[in-house]
PDB file of N, CA and C in Angstrom:
ATOM      1  N   MET A   1       1.023  -1.481   0.055  1.00  0.00           N
ATOM      2  CA  MET A   1       0.193   0.568   0.040  1.00  0.00           C
ATOM      3  C   MET A   1       0.876   1.337   0.163  1.00  0.00           C
ATOM      4  N   VAL A   2       0.886   1.847  -0.494  1.00  0.00           N
ATOM      5  CA  VAL A   2       0.998   3.550  -0.637  1.00  0.00           C
ATOM      6  C   VAL A   2       0.306   4.381   0.710  1.00  0.00           C
ATOM      7  N   THR A   3       1.484   5.388   1.043  1.00  0.00           N
ATOM      8  CA  THR A   3       1.356   5.875   1.620  1.00  0.00           C
ATOM      9  C   THR A   3       1.821   7.475   1.108  1.00  0.00           C
ATOM     10  N   PHE A   4       0.785   8.326   1.899  1.00  0.00           N
ATOM     11  CA  PHE A   4       1.694   9.627   1.750  1.00  0.00           C
ATOM     12  C   PHE A   4       1.253  10.286   3.250  1.00  0.00           C
ATOM     13  N   SER A   5       2.100  11.693   2.930  1.00  0.00           N
ATOM     14  CA  SER A   5       2.183  12.558   4.144  1.00  0.00           C
ATOM     15  C   SER A   5       1.743  13.673   4.230  1.00  0.00           C
ATOM     16  N   THR A   6       1.513  14.181   4.661  1.00  0.00           N
ATOM     17  CA  THR A   6      -0.018  14.970   4.870  1.00  0.00           C
ATOM     18  C   THR A   6       0.816  16.505   3.478  1.00  0.00           C
ATOM     19  N   ASP A   7       1.459  16.252   4.012  1.00  0.00           N
ATOM     20  CA  ASP A   7       1.907  18.053   2.496  1.00  0.00           C
ATOM     21  C   ASP A   7       2.096  16.737   1.235  1.00  0.00           C
ATOM     22  N   GLU A   8       1.912  15.572   1.098  1.00  0.00           N
ATOM     23  CA  GLU A   8       0.985  14.947  -0.016  1.00  0.00           C
ATOM     24  C   GLU A   8       0.060  14.944  -0.342  1.00  0.00           C
ATOM     25  N   LEU A   9      -1.031  15.174  -0.121  1.00  0.00           N
ATOM     26  CA  LEU A   9      -2.706  14.584   0.083  1.00  0.00           C
ATOM     27  C   LEU A   9      -2.833  16.755  -0.204  1.00  0.00           C
ATOM     28  N   VAL A  10      -4.144  16.662  -0.894  1.00  0.00           N
ATOM     29  CA  VAL A  10      -4.841  18.049  -0.853  1.00  0.00           C
ATOM     30  C   VAL A  10      -6.402  17.271  -1.490  1.00  0.00           C
ATOM     31  N   SER A  11      -6.871  18.459  -1.179  1.00  0.00           N
ATOM     32  CA  SER A  11      -8.385  18.406  -1.796  1.00  0.00           C
ATOM     33  C   SER A  11      -7.998  19.163  -3.080  1.00  0.00           C
ATOM     34  N   SER A  12      -9.070  18.572  -3.824  1.00  0.00           N
ATOM     35  CA  SER A  12      -9.630  18.507  -5.594  1.00  0.00           C
ATOM     36  C   SER A  12      -9.603  20.003  -5.724  1.00  0.00           C
ATOM     37  N   THR A  13     -10.422  20.624  -4.323  1.00  0.00           N
ATOM     38  CA  THR A  13     -10.323  21.914  -4.459  1.00  0.00           C
ATOM     39  C   THR A  13      -9.003  22.813  -4.618  1.00  0.00           C
ATOM     40  N   GLN A  14      -8.697  22.466  -3.131  1.00  0.00           N
ATOM     41  CA  GLN A  14      -7.226  22.917  -3.412  1.00  0.00           C
ATOM     42  C   GLN A  14      -6.311  23.309  -3.996  1.00  0.00           C
ATOM     43  N   PHE A  15      -6.576  21.787  -4.910  1.00  0.00           N
ATOM     44  CA  PHE A  15      -4.965  21.925  -5.671  1.00  0.00           C
ATOM     45  C   PHE A  15      -5.530  22.320  -6.899  1.00  0.00           C
ATOM     46  N   SER A  16      -6.846  22.634  -6.879  1.00  0.00           N
ATOM     47  CA  SER A  16      -7.459  22.966  -8.063  1.00  0.00           C
ATOM     48  C   SER A  16      -7.094  25.108  -8.312  1.00  0.00           C
ATOM     49  N   ARG A  17      -7.594  25.473  -6.872  1.00  0.00           N
ATOM     50  CA  ARG A  17      -6.935  26.741  -6.607  1.00  0.00           C
ATOM     51  C   ARG A  17      -5.830  27.035  -6.884  1.00  0.00           C
ATOM     52  N   ASN A  18      -5.127  25.934  -5.862  1.00  0.00           N
ATOM     53  CA  ASN A  18      -3.556  26.297  -6.267  1.00  0.00           C
ATOM     54  C   ASN A  18      -2.705  25.638  -7.344  1.00  0.00           C
ATOM     55  N   PHE A  19      -3.555  24.972  -8.504  1.00  0.00           N
ATOM     56  CA  PHE A  19      -2.669  24.247  -9.407  1.00  0.00           C
ATOM     57  C   PHE A  19      -1.164  24.362  -9.661  1.00  0.00           C
ATOM     58  N   TRP A  20      -0.081  25.576 -10.254  1.00  0.00           N
ATOM     59  CA  TRP A  20       0.295  26.433 -10.357  1.00  0.00           C
ATOM     60  C   TRP A  20       1.587  25.838  -9.323  1.00  0.00           C
ATOM     61  N   THR A  21       1.221  25.965  -8.599  1.00  0.00           N
ATOM     62  CA  THR A  21       2.156  26.266  -7.054  1.00  0.00           C
ATOM     63  C   THR A  21       2.385  24.549  -6.764  1.00  0.00           C
ATOM     64  N   TYR A  22       1.287  23.508  -7.083  1.00  0.00           N
ATOM     65  CA  TYR A  22       1.512  22.083  -6.573  1.00  0.00           C
ATOM     66  C   TYR A  22       2.096  21.486  -8.094  1.00  0.00           C
ATOM     67  N   MET A  23       2.023  22.129  -9.482  1.00  0.00           N
ATOM     68  CA  MET A  23       2.876  22.093 -10.231  1.00  0.00           C
ATOM     69  C   MET A  23       4.137  21.817 -10.329  1.00  0.00           C
ATOM     70  N   THR A  24       4.329  23.393  -9.948  1.00  0.00           N
ATOM     71  CA  THR A  24       5.410  23.693  -9.671  1.00  0.00           C
ATOM     72  C   THR A  24       7.135  22.617  -8.711  1.00  0.00           C
ATOM     73  N   GLY A  25       5.666  22.383  -7.945  1.00  0.00           N
ATOM     74  CA  GLY A  25       6.583  21.619  -6.569  1.00  0.00           C
ATOM     75  C   GLY A  25       6.492  20.686  -7.194  1.00  0.00           C
ATOM     76  N   MET A  26       6.271  19.470  -7.918  1.00  0.00           N
ATOM     77  CA  MET A  26       6.087  18.875  -8.678  1.00  0.00           C
ATOM     78  C   MET A  26       7.026  18.744 -10.104  1.00  0.00           C
ATOM     79  N   LYS A  27       7.198  19.441 -10.205  1.00  0.00           N
ATOM     80  CA  LYS A  27       8.734  19.507 -11.586  1.00  0.00           C
ATOM     81  C   LYS A  27       9.191  20.005 -10.368  1.00  0.00           C
ATOM     82  N   ASP A  28      10.039  20.606  -9.447  1.00  0.00           N
ATOM     83  CA  ASP A  28      10.626  21.075  -9.112  1.00  0.00           C
ATOM     84  C   ASP A  28      11.387  19.678  -7.935  1.00  0.00           C
ATOM     85  N   MET A  29      10.558  18.690  -7.861  1.00  0.00           N
ATOM     86  CA  MET A  29      10.401  17.437  -7.170  1.00  0.00           C
ATOM     87  C   MET A  29      10.136  17.869  -5.760  1.00  0.00           C
ATOM     88  N   LYS A  30      10.370  18.467  -5.841  1.00  0.00           N
ATOM     89  CA  LYS A  30       9.567  18.669  -4.262  1.00  0.00           C
ATOM     90  C   LYS A  30       8.568  17.779  -2.838  1.00  0.00           C
ATOM     91  N   TYR A  31       7.793  17.695  -4.405  1.00  0.00           N
ATOM     92  CA  TYR A  31       6.590  16.125  -4.387  1.00  0.00           C
ATOM     93  C   TYR A  31       7.134  15.206  -5.421  1.00  0.00           C
ATOM     94  N   ARG A  32       7.262  14.159  -4.677  1.00  0.00           N
ATOM     95  CA  ARG A  32       7.097  12.553  -5.607  1.00  0.00           C
ATOM     96  C   ARG A  32       6.975  12.288  -6.318  1.00  0.00           C
ATOM     97  N   LYS A  33       5.120  12.360  -4.875  1.00  0.00           N
ATOM     98  CA  LYS A  33       3.692  12.266  -5.438  1.00  0.00           C
ATOM     99  C   LYS A  33       2.645  13.252  -4.721  1.00  0.00           C
ATOM    100  N   MET A  34       1.776  13.716  -5.484  1.00  0.00           N
ATOM    101  CA  MET A  34       0.192  14.338  -4.565  1.00  0.00           C
ATOM    102  C   MET A  34      -1.432  13.122  -4.719  1.00  0.00           C
ATOM    103  N   GLY A  35      -1.434  13.503  -3.968  1.00  0.00           N
ATOM    104  CA  GLY A  35      -3.305  12.805  -3.847  1.00  0.00           C
ATOM    105  C   GLY A  35      -4.270  13.986  -4.223  1.00  0.00           C
ATOM    106  N   ILE A  36      -4.950  13.305  -4.480  1.00  0.00           N
ATOM    107  CA  ILE A  36      -5.836  14.839  -4.495  1.00  0.00           C
ATOM    108  C   ILE A  36      -6.701  13.707  -4.010  1.00  0.00           C
ATOM    109  N   LEU A  37      -7.455  14.540  -2.767  1.00  0.00           N
ATOM    110  CA  LEU A  37      -8.882  14.161  -2.536  1.00  0.00           C
ATOM    111  C   LEU A  37     -10.060  14.826  -2.868  1.00  0.00           C
ATOM    112  N   LYS A  38     -10.986  13.454  -2.669  1.00  0.00           N
ATOM    113  CA  LYS A  38     -12.246  13.844  -3.168  1.00  0.00           C
ATOM    114  C   LYS A  38     -13.686  13.036  -2.345  1.00  0.00           C
ATOM    115  N   ASN A  39     -13.713  14.000  -1.322  1.00  0.00           N
ATOM    116  CA  ASN A  39     -14.746  13.704   0.332  1.00  0.00           C
ATOM    117  C   ASN A  39     -13.828  12.543   1.056  1.00  0.00           C
ATOM    118  N   ASN A  40     -12.359  13.640   1.012  1.00  0.00           N
ATOM    119  CA  ASN A  40     -11.317  12.588   2.388  1.00  0.00           C
ATOM    120  C   ASN A  40     -11.327  11.583   1.822  1.00  0.00           C
ATOM    121  N   GLU A  41     -11.295  11.365   0.945  1.00  0.00           N
ATOM    122  CA  GLU A  41     -10.412   9.522  -0.045  1.00  0.00           C
ATOM    123  C   GLU A  41     -10.085  10.481  -1.408  1.00  0.00           C
ATOM    124  N   ILE A  42      -8.613   9.769  -1.553  1.00  0.00           N
ATOM    125  CA  ILE A  42      -7.934   9.916  -2.734  1.00  0.00           C
ATOM    126  C   ILE A  42      -8.150   9.149  -3.895  1.00  0.00           C
ATOM    127  N   ASP A  43      -8.997  10.003  -4.800  1.00  0.00           N
ATOM    128  CA  ASP A  43      -9.750   9.679  -6.053  1.00  0.00           C
ATOM    129  C   ASP A  43      -8.327  10.499  -7.406  1.00  0.00           C
ATOM    130  N   MET A  44      -6.754  10.161  -7.099  1.00  0.00           N
ATOM    131  CA  MET A  44      -6.288  10.665  -7.919  1.00  0.00           C
ATOM    132  C   MET A  44      -5.025  10.896  -7.310  1.00  0.00           C
ATOM    133  N   VAL A  45      -3.587  10.546  -7.808  1.00  0.00           N
ATOM    134  CA  VAL A  45      -2.726  10.846  -8.110  1.00  0.00           C
ATOM    135  C   VAL A  45      -2.098  11.221  -8.971  1.00  0.00           C
ATOM    136  N   ILE A  46      -1.360  11.885  -8.906  1.00  0.00           N
ATOM    137  CA  ILE A  46       0.238  12.757  -9.782  1.00  0.00           C
ATOM    138  C   ILE A  46       1.131  12.674  -9.439  1.00  0.00           C
ATOM    139  N   ILE A  47       2.352  11.758 -10.624  1.00  0.00           N
ATOM    140  CA  ILE A  47       3.647  12.329 -10.528  1.00  0.00           C
ATOM    141  C   ILE A  47       4.228  12.909 -10.919  1.00  0.00           C
ATOM    142  N   PRO A  48       5.578  12.737 -10.319  1.00  0.00           N
ATOM    143  CA  PRO A  48       6.515  14.242 -11.604  1.00  0.00           C
ATOM    144  C   PRO A  48       6.899  13.059 -13.297  1.00  0.00           C
ATOM    145  N   GLY A  49       7.005  13.857 -14.032  1.00  0.00           N
ATOM    146  CA  GLY A  49       6.869  13.179 -15.800  1.00  0.00           C
ATOM    147  C   GLY A  49       8.199  11.990 -15.427  1.00  0.00           C
ATOM    148  N   LYS A  50       9.391  12.144 -14.680  1.00  0.00           N
ATOM    149  CA  LYS A  50      10.693  12.072 -14.429  1.00  0.00           C
ATOM    150  C   LYS A  50      10.195  10.618 -13.515  1.00  0.00           C
ATOM    151  N   ILE A  51       8.928  10.374 -12.449  1.00  0.00           N
ATOM    152  CA  ILE A  51       8.634   9.486 -11.855  1.00  0.00           C
ATOM    153  C   ILE A  51       7.810   7.915 -13.443  1.00  0.00           C
ATOM    154  N   TYR A  52       7.529   8.897 -13.671  1.00  0.00           N
ATOM    155  CA  TYR A  52       6.643   8.477 -14.690  1.00  0.00           C
ATOM    156  C   TYR A  52       7.806   7.638 -15.399  1.00  0.00           C
ATOM    157  N   GLU A  53       8.368   8.405 -16.146  1.00  0.00           N
ATOM    158  CA  GLU A  53       9.528   7.657 -17.474  1.00  0.00           C
ATOM    159  C   GLU A  53       9.600   6.005 -16.481  1.00  0.00           C
ATOM    160  N   LYS A  54       9.834   6.544 -15.415  1.00  0.00           N
ATOM    161  CA  LYS A  54      10.875   5.549 -14.542  1.00  0.00           C
ATOM    162  C   LYS A  54      10.244   4.285 -14.566  1.00  0.00           C
ATOM    163  N   ILE A  55       9.195   4.274 -14.436  1.00  0.00           N
ATOM    164  CA  ILE A  55       7.493   3.620 -13.613  1.00  0.00           C
ATOM    165  C   ILE A  55       8.186   3.135 -15.250  1.00  0.00           C
ATOM    166  N   GLY A  56       7.221   3.568 -15.718  1.00  0.00           N
ATOM    167  CA  GLY A  56       7.259   3.128 -17.247  1.00  0.00           C
ATOM    168  C   GLY A  56       7.797   1.457 -18.089  1.00  0.00           C
ATOM    169  N   SER A  57       9.456   2.478 -17.602  1.00  0.00           N
ATOM    170  CA  SER A  57      10.846   0.691 -17.946  1.00  0.00           C
ATOM    171  C   SER A  57      11.060  -0.032 -16.725  1.00  0.00           C
ATOM    172  N   TYR A  58       9.972   0.343 -15.901  1.00  0.00           N
ATOM    173  CA  TYR A  58      10.234  -0.902 -14.610  1.00  0.00           C
ATOM    174  C   TYR A  58       8.810  -1.630 -15.384  1.00  0.00           C
ATOM    175  N   MET A  59       7.908  -1.065 -15.781  1.00  0.00           N
ATOM    176  CA  MET A  59       6.737  -2.216 -16.725  1.00  0.00           C
ATOM    177  C   MET A  59       6.330  -2.744 -17.066  1.00  0.00           C
ATOM    178  N   ASP A  60       7.897  -2.192 -18.570  1.00  0.00           N
ATOM    179  CA  ASP A  60       7.778  -2.840 -20.356  1.00  0.00           C
ATOM    180  C   ASP A  60       9.389  -4.249 -19.285  1.00  0.00           C
ATOM    181  N   GLU A  61       9.433  -3.886 -17.841  1.00  0.00           N
ATOM    182  CA  GLU A  61      10.067  -5.066 -17.662  1.00  0.00           C
ATOM    183  C   GLU A  61       9.768  -6.239 -16.916  1.00  0.00           C
ATOM    184  N   MET A  62       8.528  -5.519 -16.221  1.00  0.00           N
ATOM    185  CA  MET A  62       7.685  -6.805 -15.335  1.00  0.00           C
ATOM    186  C   MET A  62       6.748  -7.152 -16.743  1.00  0.00           C
ATOM    187  N   ILE A  63       6.477  -6.375 -17.071  1.00  0.00           N
ATOM    188  CA  ILE A  63       6.055  -7.392 -18.674  1.00  0.00           C
ATOM    189  C   ILE A  63       6.019  -8.346 -19.442  1.00  0.00           C
ATOM    190  N   GLU A  64       7.572  -8.060 -20.014  1.00  0.00           N
ATOM    191  CA  GLU A  64       8.120  -9.243 -20.819  1.00  0.00           C
ATOM    192  C   GLU A  64       8.786 -10.368 -19.357  1.00  0.00           C
ATOM    193  N   ASN A  65       8.832 -10.068 -18.097  1.00  0.00           N
ATOM    194  CA  ASN A  65       8.964 -11.203 -16.948  1.00  0.00           C
ATOM    195  C   ASN A  65       7.803 -12.012 -17.272  1.00  0.00           C
ATOM    196  N   TYR A  66       6.520 -11.244 -16.982  1.00  0.00           N
ATOM    197  CA  TYR A  66       5.915 -12.057 -16.753  1.00  0.00           C
ATOM    198  C   TYR A  66       5.151 -13.098 -18.237  1.00  0.00           C
ATOM    199  N   GLU A  67       5.211 -11.859 -19.236  1.00  0.00           N
ATOM    200  CA  GLU A  67       5.006 -13.130 -20.292  1.00  0.00           C
ATOM    201  C   GLU A  67       6.022 -14.375 -20.634  1.00  0.00           C
ATOM    202  N   ILE A  68       7.244 -14.081 -20.179  1.00  0.00           N
ATOM    203  CA  ILE A  68       8.053 -15.710 -20.582  1.00  0.00           C
ATOM    204  C   ILE A  68       7.662 -16.059 -18.886  1.00  0.00           C
ATOM    205  N   HIS A  69       7.119 -15.491 -17.758  1.00  0.00           N
ATOM    206  CA  HIS A  69       6.316 -16.562 -16.859  1.00  0.00           C
ATOM    207  C   HIS A  69       5.750 -17.304 -17.527  1.00  0.00           C
ATOM    208  N   GLU A  70       4.553 -16.709 -18.077  1.00  0.00           N
ATOM    209  CA  GLU A  70       3.466 -17.547 -18.828  1.00  0.00           C
ATOM    210  C   GLU A  70       3.872 -17.925 -20.153  1.00  0.00           C
ATOM    211  N   GLU A  71       5.385 -18.240 -20.497  1.00  0.00           N
ATOM    212  CA  GLU A  71       5.593 -18.949 -21.448  1.00  0.00           C
ATOM    213  C   GLU A  71       6.053 -21.029 -20.735  1.00  0.00           C
ATOM    214  N   ILE A  72       5.949 -20.474 -19.727  1.00  0.00           N
ATOM    215  CA  ILE A  72       7.758 -21.083 -18.862  1.00  0.00           C
ATOM    216  C   ILE A  72       5.900 -21.904 -19.321  1.00  0.00           C
ATOM    217  N   GLN A  73       5.371 -21.298 -17.411  1.00  0.00           N
ATOM    218  CA  GLN A  73       3.586 -22.463 -17.169  1.00  0.00           C
ATOM    219  C   GLN A  73       3.212 -23.424 -18.570  1.00  0.00           C
ATOM    220  N   ASP A  74       2.987 -22.831 -19.297  1.00  0.00           N
ATOM    221  CA  ASP A  74       2.066 -23.941 -20.443  1.00  0.00           C
ATOM    222  C   ASP A  74       3.444 -24.619 -21.195  1.00  0.00           C
ATOM    223  N   ARG A  75       4.209 -24.653 -20.932  1.00  0.00           N
ATOM    224  CA  ARG A  75       5.730 -25.728 -21.624  1.00  0.00           C
ATOM    225  C   ARG A  75       5.452 -26.542 -19.973  1.00  0.00           C
ATOM    226  N   ILE A  76       5.559 -26.248 -19.232  1.00  0.00           N
ATOM    227  CA  ILE A  76       5.455 -27.397 -17.790  1.00  0.00           C
ATOM    228  C   ILE A  76       4.467 -27.793 -17.554  1.00  0.00           C
ATOM    229  N   ASN A  77       2.789 -27.286 -18.516  1.00  0.00           N
ATOM    230  CA  ASN A  77       1.979 -27.774 -18.538  1.00  0.00           C
ATOM    231  C   ASN A  77       1.396 -28.931 -19.864  1.00  0.00           C
ATOM    232  N   THR A  78       2.377 -28.756 -20.541  1.00  0.00           N
ATOM    233  CA  THR A  78       2.013 -29.394 -21.138  1.00  0.00           C
ATOM    234  C   THR A  78       2.369 -31.793 -22.052  1.00  0.00           C
ATOM    235  N   LYS A  79       1.702 -31.861 -22.228  1.00  0.00           N
ATOM    236  CA  LYS A  79       1.144 -32.964 -21.895  1.00  0.00           C
ATOM    237  C   LYS A  79       2.548 -33.973 -22.639  1.00  0.00           C
ATOM    238  N   GLU A  80       3.004 -35.169 -22.213  1.00  0.00           N
ATOM    239  CA  GLU A  80       4.726 -35.361 -22.960  1.00  0.00           C
ATOM    240  C   GLU A  80       3.544 -36.115 -23.991  1.00  0.00           C
ATOM    241  N   THR A  81       2.763 -36.404 -24.240  1.00  0.00           N
ATOM    242  CA  THR A  81       2.123 -36.829 -26.505  1.00  0.00           C
ATOM    243  C   THR A  81       2.319 -35.341 -26.716  1.00  0.00           C
ATOM    244  N   ASN A  82       2.467 -34.260 -26.364  1.00  0.00           N
ATOM    245  CA  ASN A  82       2.757 -32.979 -27.300  1.00  0.00           C
ATOM    246  C   ASN A  82       4.117 -32.818 -27.771  1.00  0.00           C
ATOM    247  N   PHE A  83       5.114 -33.226 -26.947  1.00  0.00           N
ATOM    248  CA  PHE A  83       7.077 -33.545 -26.608  1.00  0.00           C
ATOM    249  C   PHE A  83       7.059 -33.055 -28.009  1.00  0.00           C
ATOM    250  N   VAL A  84       7.928 -32.216 -29.011  1.00  0.00           N
ATOM    251  CA  VAL A  84       8.629 -32.939 -29.899  1.00  0.00           C
ATOM    252  C   VAL A  84      10.193 -33.333 -30.083  1.00  0.00           C
ATOM    253  N   ASP A  85      10.109 -34.318 -30.578  1.00  0.00           N
ATOM    254  CA  ASP A  85      11.221 -35.372 -30.204  1.00  0.00           C
ATOM    255  C   ASP A  85      12.288 -33.883 -31.708  1.00  0.00           C
ATOM    256  N   GLY A  86      13.968 -34.201 -30.242  1.00  0.00           N
ATOM    257  CA  GLY A  86      14.809 -32.557 -31.127  1.00  0.00           C
ATOM    258  C   GLY A  86      15.450 -33.260 -31.889  1.00  0.00           C
ATOM    259  N   ALA A  87      15.452 -34.061 -32.345  1.00  0.00           N
ATOM    260  CA  ALA A  87      16.180 -34.511 -33.069  1.00  0.00           C
ATOM    261  C   ALA A  87      15.381 -34.405 -34.644  1.00  0.00           C
ATOM    262  N   GLU A  88      14.252 -35.095 -35.354  1.00  0.00           N
ATOM    263  CA  GLU A  88      12.620 -34.752 -35.480  1.00  0.00           C
ATOM    264  C   GLU A  88      13.219 -32.631 -36.094  1.00  0.00           C
ATOM    265  N   VAL A  89      13.124 -31.968 -34.870  1.00  0.00           N
ATOM    266  CA  VAL A  89      13.224 -31.045 -35.437  1.00  0.00           C
ATOM    267  C   VAL A  89      14.532 -30.499 -36.458  1.00  0.00           C
ATOM    268  N   LEU A  90      15.791 -31.103 -35.635  1.00  0.00           N
ATOM    269  CA  LEU A  90      16.722 -31.430 -36.309  1.00  0.00           C
ATOM    270  C   LEU A  90      16.903 -31.642 -37.672  1.00  0.00           C
ATOM    271  N   LYS A  91      16.289 -32.577 -37.576  1.00  0.00           N
ATOM    272  CA  LYS A  91      16.357 -32.917 -39.373  1.00  0.00           C
ATOM    273  C   LYS A  91      15.527 -32.377 -40.106  1.00  0.00           C
ATOM    274  N   LYS A  92      14.274 -31.713 -39.365  1.00  0.00           N
ATOM    275  CA  LYS A  92      13.047 -30.730 -40.701  1.00  0.00           C
ATOM    276  C   LYS A  92      14.093 -29.565 -41.213  1.00  0.00           C
ATOM    277  N   PHE A  93      15.073 -28.758 -40.520  1.00  0.00           N
ATOM    278  CA  PHE A  93      15.385 -27.799 -40.611  1.00  0.00           C
ATOM    279  C   PHE A  93      16.804 -28.081 -41.474  1.00  0.00           C
ATOM    280  N   ASN A  94      17.205 -28.807 -41.478  1.00  0.00           N
ATOM    281  CA  ASN A  94      18.268 -29.405 -42.415  1.00  0.00           C
ATOM    282  C   ASN A  94      19.474 -28.793 -41.175  1.00  0.00           C
ATOM    283  N   LEU A  95      19.465 -29.179 -39.713  1.00  0.00           N
ATOM    284  CA  LEU A  95      20.233 -28.906 -38.553  1.00  0.00           C
ATOM    285  C   LEU A  95      20.768 -30.534 -37.994  1.00  0.00           C
ATOM    286  N   SER A  96      22.155 -29.792 -37.481  1.00  0.00           N
ATOM    287  CA  SER A  96      22.975 -30.952 -37.091  1.00  0.00           C
ATOM    288  C   SER A  96      23.660 -30.096 -35.989  1.00  0.00           C
ATOM    289  N   LEU A  97      23.784 -30.966 -34.816  1.00  0.00           N
ATOM    290  CA  LEU A  97      24.468 -30.646 -33.746  1.00  0.00           C
ATOM    291  C   LEU A  97      26.062 -31.040 -34.192  1.00  0.00           C
TER     292      LEU A  97
END
């Protein structure tokens, strides 16, 4: 669970009234994130572009790792009757060890 300090939480009304102040603070990395409150609950989270780019690169890696994991699970669950003989594959593509 993500936690916020009190200076990272602001009501939507306060945020809209002081938009440029908060945006400047985000740009200057005064805030790593801002939780925008609506009815005393976090309705939206805003992060600086630099952090967003970093998260994006991590997400790409996570998606790739997830896809690899899924492929491994598919292969683990493959029935032996569906296995392909390595020698046949080499012969089919005119390859040898």
